Amino acid sequence: MQILEIQFGTPEFDDAVRLRHDVLRKPLGLGYTAEQLAAEYDNIHLAAYDDSGFLVGYLNLTPFDSEQVKMRQVAVRPEYQGAGIGRNMVLASEALAAGLGYKKMVLHARESAVPFYQKLSYKIVGERFEEVTIPHFRMEKALV
């Protein structure tokens, strides 16, 4: 597996949007608007590829300020889930964010994903809330 930074507006980014739609939005009956995608122009886009070059995962980092970055849109193809791809993408994003000087990673985890993030030392901050029609928790982790 290889985790690479991809650029907004490229064919690789388009593939990642399709993956995100299939994994994250389509099951909820949702899609992406052009405005939502355009807002990601200056985000950091990480993609995971298997050994044959097939896109199997995606993760977005959205800077909040000089110290915090938000992890968003973490998606792994269902047939590849449980193989460590999500974990490796999260670890790679943490290393990248720390290398860029960020001190804290924040995220909104779907309730079903909370145990995954807790295993990676993320802590719940605040109460459960609804986002994209389903329960979420804000989580965070200090980067070293």
C-alpha atoms as a PDB file:
ATOM      1  CA  MET A   1       0.000   0.000   0.000  1.00  0.00           C
ATOM      2  CA  GLN A   2       1.111   3.522  -0.773  1.00  0.00           C
ATOM      3  CA  ILE A   3      -0.279   6.768   0.681  1.00  0.00           C
ATOM      4  CA  LEU A   4       0.230   9.804  -1.534  1.00  0.00           C
ATOM      5  CA  GLU A   5      -0.809  13.428  -1.510  1.00  0.00           C
ATOM      6  CA  ILE A   6      -3.043  14.148  -4.495  1.00  0.00           C
ATOM      7  CA  GLN A   7      -3.975  17.522  -5.922  1.00  0.00           C
ATOM      8  CA  PHE A   8      -7.383  19.148  -6.148  1.00  0.00           C
ATOM      9  CA  GLY A   9      -8.950  19.073  -9.616  1.00  0.00           C
ATOM     10  CA  THR A  10      -6.886  16.174 -10.946  1.00  0.00           C
ATOM     11  CA  PRO A  11      -8.193  12.828 -12.228  1.00  0.00           C
ATOM     12  CA  GLU A  12      -6.930  11.301  -8.946  1.00  0.00           C
ATOM     13  CA  PHE A  13      -9.019  13.791  -6.999  1.00  0.00           C
ATOM     14  CA  ASP A  14     -12.065  12.964  -9.154  1.00  0.00           C
ATOM     15  CA  ASP A  15     -11.536   9.260  -8.375  1.00  0.00           C
ATOM     16  CA  ALA A  16     -11.347  10.121  -4.665  1.00  0.00           C
ATOM     17  CA  VAL A  17     -14.598  12.093  -4.835  1.00  0.00           C
ATOM     18  CA  ARG A  18     -16.303   9.058  -6.406  1.00  0.00           C
ATOM     19  CA  LEU A  19     -14.915   6.827  -3.644  1.00  0.00           C
ATOM     20  CA  ARG A  20     -16.077   9.248  -0.947  1.00  0.00           C
ATOM     21  CA  HIS A  21     -19.517   9.456  -2.519  1.00  0.00           C
ATOM     22  CA  ASP A  22     -19.877   5.679  -2.711  1.00  0.00           C
ATOM     23  CA  VAL A  23     -18.658   5.053   0.857  1.00  0.00           C
ATOM     24  CA  LEU A  24     -19.818   8.109   2.807  1.00  0.00           C
ATOM     25  CA  ARG A  25     -22.680   9.888   1.049  1.00  0.00           C
ATOM     26  CA  LYS A  26     -24.592   7.471  -1.179  1.00  0.00           C
ATOM     27  CA  PRO A  27     -25.630   5.205   1.753  1.00  0.00           C
ATOM     28  CA  LEU A  28     -27.215   8.297   3.360  1.00  0.00           C
ATOM     29  CA  GLY A  29     -28.938   9.390   0.168  1.00  0.00           C
ATOM     30  CA  LEU A  30     -26.660  12.439  -0.075  1.00  0.00           C
ATOM     31  CA  GLY A  31     -24.269  13.844  -2.636  1.00  0.00           C
ATOM     32  CA  TYR A  32     -21.722  16.637  -2.922  1.00  0.00           C
ATOM     33  CA  THR A  33     -22.431  20.096  -4.245  1.00  0.00           C
ATOM     34  CA  ALA A  34     -19.992  21.956  -6.458  1.00  0.00           C
ATOM     35  CA  GLU A  35     -19.616  24.497  -3.631  1.00  0.00           C
ATOM     36  CA  GLN A  36     -18.694  21.807  -1.088  1.00  0.00           C
ATOM     37  CA  LEU A  37     -16.007  20.417  -3.361  1.00  0.00           C
ATOM     38  CA  ALA A  38     -14.722  23.867  -4.357  1.00  0.00           C
ATOM     39  CA  ALA A  39     -14.204  24.651  -0.650  1.00  0.00           C
ATOM     40  CA  GLU A  40     -11.596  21.864  -0.590  1.00  0.00           C
ATOM     41  CA  TYR A  41      -9.327  23.639  -3.062  1.00  0.00           C
ATOM     42  CA  ASP A  42      -6.596  24.429  -0.536  1.00  0.00           C
ATOM     43  CA  ASN A  43      -7.010  21.313   1.637  1.00  0.00           C
ATOM     44  CA  ILE A  44      -4.524  18.472   1.878  1.00  0.00           C
ATOM     45  CA  HIS A  45      -5.763  15.358   0.071  1.00  0.00           C
ATOM     46  CA  LEU A  46      -4.281  11.949   0.908  1.00  0.00           C
ATOM     47  CA  ALA A  47      -5.083   8.837  -1.088  1.00  0.00           C
ATOM     48  CA  ALA A  48      -4.216   5.217  -0.367  1.00  0.00           C
ATOM     49  CA  TYR A  49      -3.440   2.900  -3.265  1.00  0.00           C
ATOM     50  CA  ASP A  50      -2.974  -0.849  -3.243  1.00  0.00           C
ATOM     51  CA  ASP A  51       0.074  -2.459  -4.853  1.00  0.00           C
ATOM     52  CA  SER A  52      -1.589  -2.418  -8.270  1.00  0.00           C
ATOM     53  CA  GLY A  53      -2.271   1.337  -8.079  1.00  0.00           C
ATOM     54  CA  PHE A  54      -5.981   0.953  -7.292  1.00  0.00           C
ATOM     55  CA  LEU A  55      -7.480   3.693  -5.066  1.00  0.00           C
ATOM     56  CA  VAL A  56      -8.629   2.076  -1.817  1.00  0.00           C
ATOM     57  CA  GLY A  57      -8.853   5.005   0.618  1.00  0.00           C
ATOM     58  CA  TYR A  58      -8.966   8.764   1.022  1.00  0.00           C
ATOM     59  CA  LEU A  59      -8.535  11.321   3.789  1.00  0.00           C
ATOM     60  CA  ASN A  60      -8.778  15.119   3.800  1.00  0.00           C
ATOM     61  CA  LEU A  61      -6.975  17.563   6.100  1.00  0.00           C
ATOM     62  CA  THR A  62      -8.556  21.005   6.442  1.00  0.00           C
ATOM     63  CA  PRO A  63      -6.505  23.622   8.316  1.00  0.00           C
ATOM     64  CA  PHE A  64      -8.429  25.486  11.067  1.00  0.00           C
ATOM     65  CA  ASP A  65      -5.701  27.833  12.192  1.00  0.00           C
ATOM     66  CA  SER A  66      -1.929  27.715  12.692  1.00  0.00           C
ATOM     67  CA  GLU A  67      -2.228  25.055  15.419  1.00  0.00           C
ATOM     68  CA  GLN A  68      -5.239  22.893  14.518  1.00  0.00           C
ATOM     69  CA  VAL A  69      -6.115  20.827  11.486  1.00  0.00           C
ATOM     70  CA  LYS A  70      -9.337  18.889  10.913  1.00  0.00           C
ATOM     71  CA  MET A  71      -9.342  15.368   9.527  1.00  0.00           C
ATOM     72  CA  ARG A  72     -12.348  14.877   7.257  1.00  0.00           C
ATOM     73  CA  GLN A  73     -13.881  12.515   4.745  1.00  0.00           C
ATOM     74  CA  VAL A  74     -12.004   9.389   5.813  1.00  0.00           C
ATOM     75  CA  ALA A  75     -13.179   6.662   3.451  1.00  0.00           C
ATOM     76  CA  VAL A  76     -11.956   3.131   2.739  1.00  0.00           C
ATOM     77  CA  ARG A  77     -13.572   0.879   0.158  1.00  0.00           C
ATOM     78  CA  PRO A  78     -15.768  -1.606   2.065  1.00  0.00           C
ATOM     79  CA  GLU A  79     -13.963  -4.656   0.688  1.00  0.00           C
ATOM     80  CA  TYR A  80     -10.666  -3.260   2.056  1.00  0.00           C
ATOM     81  CA  GLN A  81     -11.933  -2.246   5.507  1.00  0.00           C
ATOM     82  CA  GLY A  82     -10.287  -4.042   8.414  1.00  0.00           C
ATOM     83  CA  ALA A  83      -6.967  -4.376   6.565  1.00  0.00           C
ATOM     84  CA  GLY A  84      -5.231  -1.447   8.318  1.00  0.00           C
ATOM     85  CA  ILE A  85      -5.687   1.060   5.489  1.00  0.00           C
ATOM     86  CA  GLY A  86      -7.671   3.555   7.565  1.00  0.00           C
ATOM     87  CA  ARG A  87      -5.204   3.254  10.435  1.00  0.00           C
ATOM     88  CA  ASN A  88      -2.246   3.809   8.123  1.00  0.00           C
ATOM     89  CA  MET A  89      -3.903   6.819   6.499  1.00  0.00           C
ATOM     90  CA  VAL A  90      -4.632   8.373   9.903  1.00  0.00           C
ATOM     91  CA  LEU A  91      -1.052   7.804  11.078  1.00  0.00           C
ATOM     92  CA  ALA A  92       0.330   9.252   7.830  1.00  0.00           C
ATOM     93  CA  SER A  93      -1.934  12.294   8.151  1.00  0.00           C
ATOM     94  CA  GLU A  94      -0.811  12.849  11.746  1.00  0.00           C
ATOM     95  CA  ALA A  95       2.855  12.715  10.743  1.00  0.00           C
ATOM     96  CA  LEU A  96       2.237  15.084   7.837  1.00  0.00           C
ATOM     97  CA  ALA A  97       0.251  17.534   9.997  1.00  0.00           C
ATOM     98  CA  ALA A  98       2.873  17.482  12.765  1.00  0.00           C
ATOM     99  CA  GLY A  99       5.591  18.068  10.164  1.00  0.00           C
ATOM    100  CA  LEU A 100       3.663  21.117   8.964  1.00  0.00           C
ATOM    101  CA  GLY A 101       3.627  22.486  12.520  1.00  0.00           C
ATOM    102  CA  TYR A 102       0.095  21.622  13.604  1.00  0.00           C
ATOM    103  CA  LYS A 103      -0.286  20.812  17.310  1.00  0.00           C
ATOM    104  CA  LYS A 104      -3.745  19.239  17.330  1.00  0.00           C
ATOM    105  CA  MET A 105      -5.840  17.039  15.046  1.00  0.00           C
ATOM    106  CA  VAL A 106      -9.610  17.384  15.364  1.00  0.00           C
ATOM    107  CA  LEU A 107     -12.377  15.434  13.658  1.00  0.00           C
ATOM    108  CA  HIS A 108     -16.093  14.701  13.662  1.00  0.00           C
ATOM    109  CA  ALA A 109     -16.417  10.921  13.956  1.00  0.00           C
ATOM    110  CA  ARG A 110     -19.524   9.050  13.008  1.00  0.00           C
ATOM    111  CA  GLU A 111     -20.740   7.294  16.146  1.00  0.00           C
ATOM    112  CA  SER A 112     -19.925   3.919  14.574  1.00  0.00           C
ATOM    113  CA  ALA A 113     -16.297   5.022  13.977  1.00  0.00           C
ATOM    114  CA  VAL A 114     -15.597   6.280  17.519  1.00  0.00           C
ATOM    115  CA  PRO A 115     -13.958   2.992  18.676  1.00  0.00           C
ATOM    116  CA  PHE A 116     -11.622   3.081  15.638  1.00  0.00           C
ATOM    117  CA  TYR A 117     -10.393   6.565  16.586  1.00  0.00           C
ATOM    118  CA  GLN A 118     -10.201   5.748  20.289  1.00  0.00           C
ATOM    119  CA  LYS A 119      -7.761   2.916  19.459  1.00  0.00           C
ATOM    120  CA  LEU A 120      -5.597   5.614  17.855  1.00  0.00           C
ATOM    121  CA  SER A 121      -5.693   7.736  21.063  1.00  0.00           C
ATOM    122  CA  TYR A 122      -8.369  10.221  19.994  1.00  0.00           C
ATOM    123  CA  LYS A 123     -10.570  11.543  22.802  1.00  0.00           C
ATOM    124  CA  ILE A 124     -14.218  12.558  22.665  1.00  0.00           C
ATOM    125  CA  VAL A 125     -14.765  16.255  23.337  1.00  0.00           C
ATOM    126  CA  GLY A 126     -18.331  17.346  24.066  1.00  0.00           C
ATOM    127  CA  GLU A 127     -21.687  15.777  23.438  1.00  0.00           C
ATOM    128  CA  ARG A 128     -23.046  13.725  20.574  1.00  0.00           C
ATOM    129  CA  PHE A 129     -24.468  15.791  17.691  1.00  0.00           C
ATOM    130  CA  GLU A 130     -26.035  15.178  14.297  1.00  0.00           C
ATOM    131  CA  GLU A 131     -24.182  15.856  11.054  1.00  0.00           C
ATOM    132  CA  VAL A 132     -25.141  14.646   7.558  1.00  0.00           C
ATOM    133  CA  THR A 133     -28.243  13.073   9.145  1.00  0.00           C
ATOM    134  CA  ILE A 134     -26.366  10.743  11.552  1.00  0.00           C
ATOM    135  CA  PRO A 135     -24.854  10.910  15.078  1.00  0.00           C
ATOM    136  CA  HIS A 136     -21.266  12.173  15.405  1.00  0.00           C
ATOM    137  CA  PHE A 137     -18.795  13.059  18.139  1.00  0.00           C
ATOM    138  CA  ARG A 138     -16.072  15.698  18.057  1.00  0.00           C
ATOM    139  CA  MET A 139     -12.734  14.046  18.795  1.00  0.00           C
ATOM    140  CA  GLU A 140      -9.204  15.358  19.078  1.00  0.00           C
ATOM    141  CA  LYS A 141      -5.621  14.329  19.616  1.00  0.00           C
ATOM    142  CA  ALA A 142      -2.468  16.264  20.398  1.00  0.00           C
ATOM    143  CA  LEU A 143       0.213  15.824  17.748  1.00  0.00           C
ATOM    144  CA  VAL A 144       3.816  15.292  18.812  1.00  0.00           C
END
